[in-house]
Each structure stands twice: as structure tokens, then as C-alpha cells.
């Protein structure tokens, strides 16, 4: 026997938000990629030739993780069985 019903679940996931932050600051060495809380910071550098070569931190790309969840309900077909138990006296 089959019965139509709804299966319910909460779908959890992570969504990311990418932003760029302009820095334009002269630096001596390339900074490392870092993590602050839920944000990963990726430095972007370029070499600029001015009578001498200088390393300039142009911008940082910040990637922030945002937890998400969503309740869903979808139709499903369930199999159903019934049993009848009879006790006999001895």
C-alpha cells in the first residue's frame, strides 16, 4: 500500500559575499592571505615602477561566509503496512 505525504527537512548551507576594499598603500613585502572571524582576506598587489620599484597593496578581496537554512516540504510516496495481532489464551 502506498500513501502520499510530505517529507519535511531543513536545508543548511553557506552563501558567500565578495567585496573589494581599495587600499593603495605602499608595502615592503606581499602580505599573506588571512582570516578574521568569518571573513577571508586575499591581498592583491602590483609592482609600480617609479624611478624605483615599490610594492603597493592595491586592494583586498574580502570573502565572508554567511550560514543559511531553509525549511522545505516536498511531496513523497511512503509505503505503509499494518499488522493485526491476535492473542490466544493457553
Protein backbone atom coordinates (compact mmCIF):
# COMPACT_ATOMS: atom_id res chain seq x y z
CA UNK A 1 0.00 0.00 0.00
CA UNK A 2 1.29 3.49 -0.79
CA UNK A 3 0.34 6.75 0.83
CA UNK A 4 1.05 10.31 -0.36
CA UNK A 5 2.60 12.53 2.29
CA UNK A 6 5.08 15.40 2.66
CA UNK A 7 8.68 14.99 3.75
CA UNK A 8 9.98 17.99 5.67
CA UNK A 9 13.61 18.96 6.25
CA UNK A 10 15.79 21.97 6.92
CA UNK A 11 18.39 22.60 4.24
CA UNK A 12 21.54 24.22 5.63
CA UNK A 13 24.28 25.77 3.55
CA UNK A 14 26.75 28.60 3.26
CA UNK A 15 26.49 31.57 0.94
CA UNK A 16 29.47 33.84 0.31
CA UNK A 17 29.62 37.58 -0.19
CA UNK A 18 32.65 39.02 -2.00
CA UNK A 19 33.59 42.69 -1.56
CA UNK A 20 36.62 44.68 -2.69
CA UNK A 21 38.25 47.25 -0.43
CA UNK A 22 40.62 49.77 -2.04
CA UNK A 23 43.87 50.15 -0.03
CA UNK A 24 46.55 51.95 -2.18
CA UNK A 25 49.27 51.67 0.47
CA UNK A 26 52.97 51.14 -0.19
CA UNK A 27 54.30 47.99 1.47
CA UNK A 28 57.68 46.27 1.78
CA UNK A 29 56.53 42.65 1.34
CA UNK A 30 53.46 40.90 0.00
CA UNK A 31 51.00 40.21 2.85
CA UNK A 32 49.66 36.72 3.40
CA UNK A 33 46.06 35.68 2.91
CA UNK A 34 44.34 35.87 6.30
CA UNK A 35 41.11 35.10 8.09
CA UNK A 36 39.32 37.47 10.50
CA UNK A 37 36.23 35.90 12.02
CA UNK A 38 34.07 34.68 9.14
CA UNK A 39 35.94 36.75 6.52
CA UNK A 40 38.87 35.56 4.38
CA UNK A 41 41.09 38.44 3.21
CA UNK A 42 43.06 37.97 -0.01
CA UNK A 43 45.58 40.76 -0.69
CA UNK A 44 46.04 41.97 -4.30
CA UNK A 45 49.43 43.59 -5.01
CA UNK A 46 51.08 45.14 -8.03
CA UNK A 47 54.56 46.42 -8.71
CA UNK A 48 54.66 50.04 -9.77
CA UNK A 49 57.71 51.44 -11.49
CA UNK A 50 58.53 54.96 -10.30
CA UNK A 51 62.29 55.55 -10.59
CA UNK A 52 62.46 52.60 -8.23
CA UNK A 53 60.33 49.52 -7.86
CA UNK A 54 57.85 49.61 -4.95
CA UNK A 55 55.32 47.09 -3.80
CA UNK A 56 51.84 48.64 -3.45
CA UNK A 57 48.91 46.91 -1.80
CA UNK A 58 46.19 47.83 -4.27
CA UNK A 59 43.14 46.22 -2.71
CA UNK A 60 41.95 43.34 -0.61
CA UNK A 61 39.24 40.93 -1.63
CA UNK A 62 37.13 40.02 1.38
CA UNK A 63 35.08 36.84 1.26
CA UNK A 64 32.55 36.48 4.07
CA UNK A 65 30.69 33.25 4.78
CA UNK A 66 27.04 33.55 5.74
CA UNK A 67 25.23 30.48 7.12
CA UNK A 68 21.79 29.85 5.64
CA UNK A 69 18.95 27.45 6.37
CA UNK A 70 15.64 26.87 4.68
CA UNK A 71 12.67 24.75 5.72
CA UNK A 72 11.28 22.75 2.82
CA UNK A 73 8.34 20.42 2.32
CA UNK A 74 8.12 18.16 -0.72
CA UNK A 75 5.55 15.51 -1.68
CA UNK A 76 6.76 11.91 -1.35
CA UNK A 77 5.21 8.46 -1.65
CA UNK A 78 5.51 6.37 1.51
CA UNK A 79 4.93 2.64 1.80
CA UNK A 80 2.60 1.72 4.62
CA UNK A 81 1.98 -1.65 6.28
CA UNK A 82 -0.44 -2.69 9.00
CA UNK A 83 -0.35 -5.78 11.20
CA UNK A 84 -3.12 -7.34 13.26
CA UNK A 85 -2.08 -9.32 16.35
CA UNK A 86 -4.43 -11.78 17.98
CA UNK A 87 -3.59 -13.30 21.36
CA UNK A 88 -4.76 -16.77 22.23
CA UNK A 89 -5.20 -17.96 25.81
CA UNK A 90 -3.38 -21.15 26.75
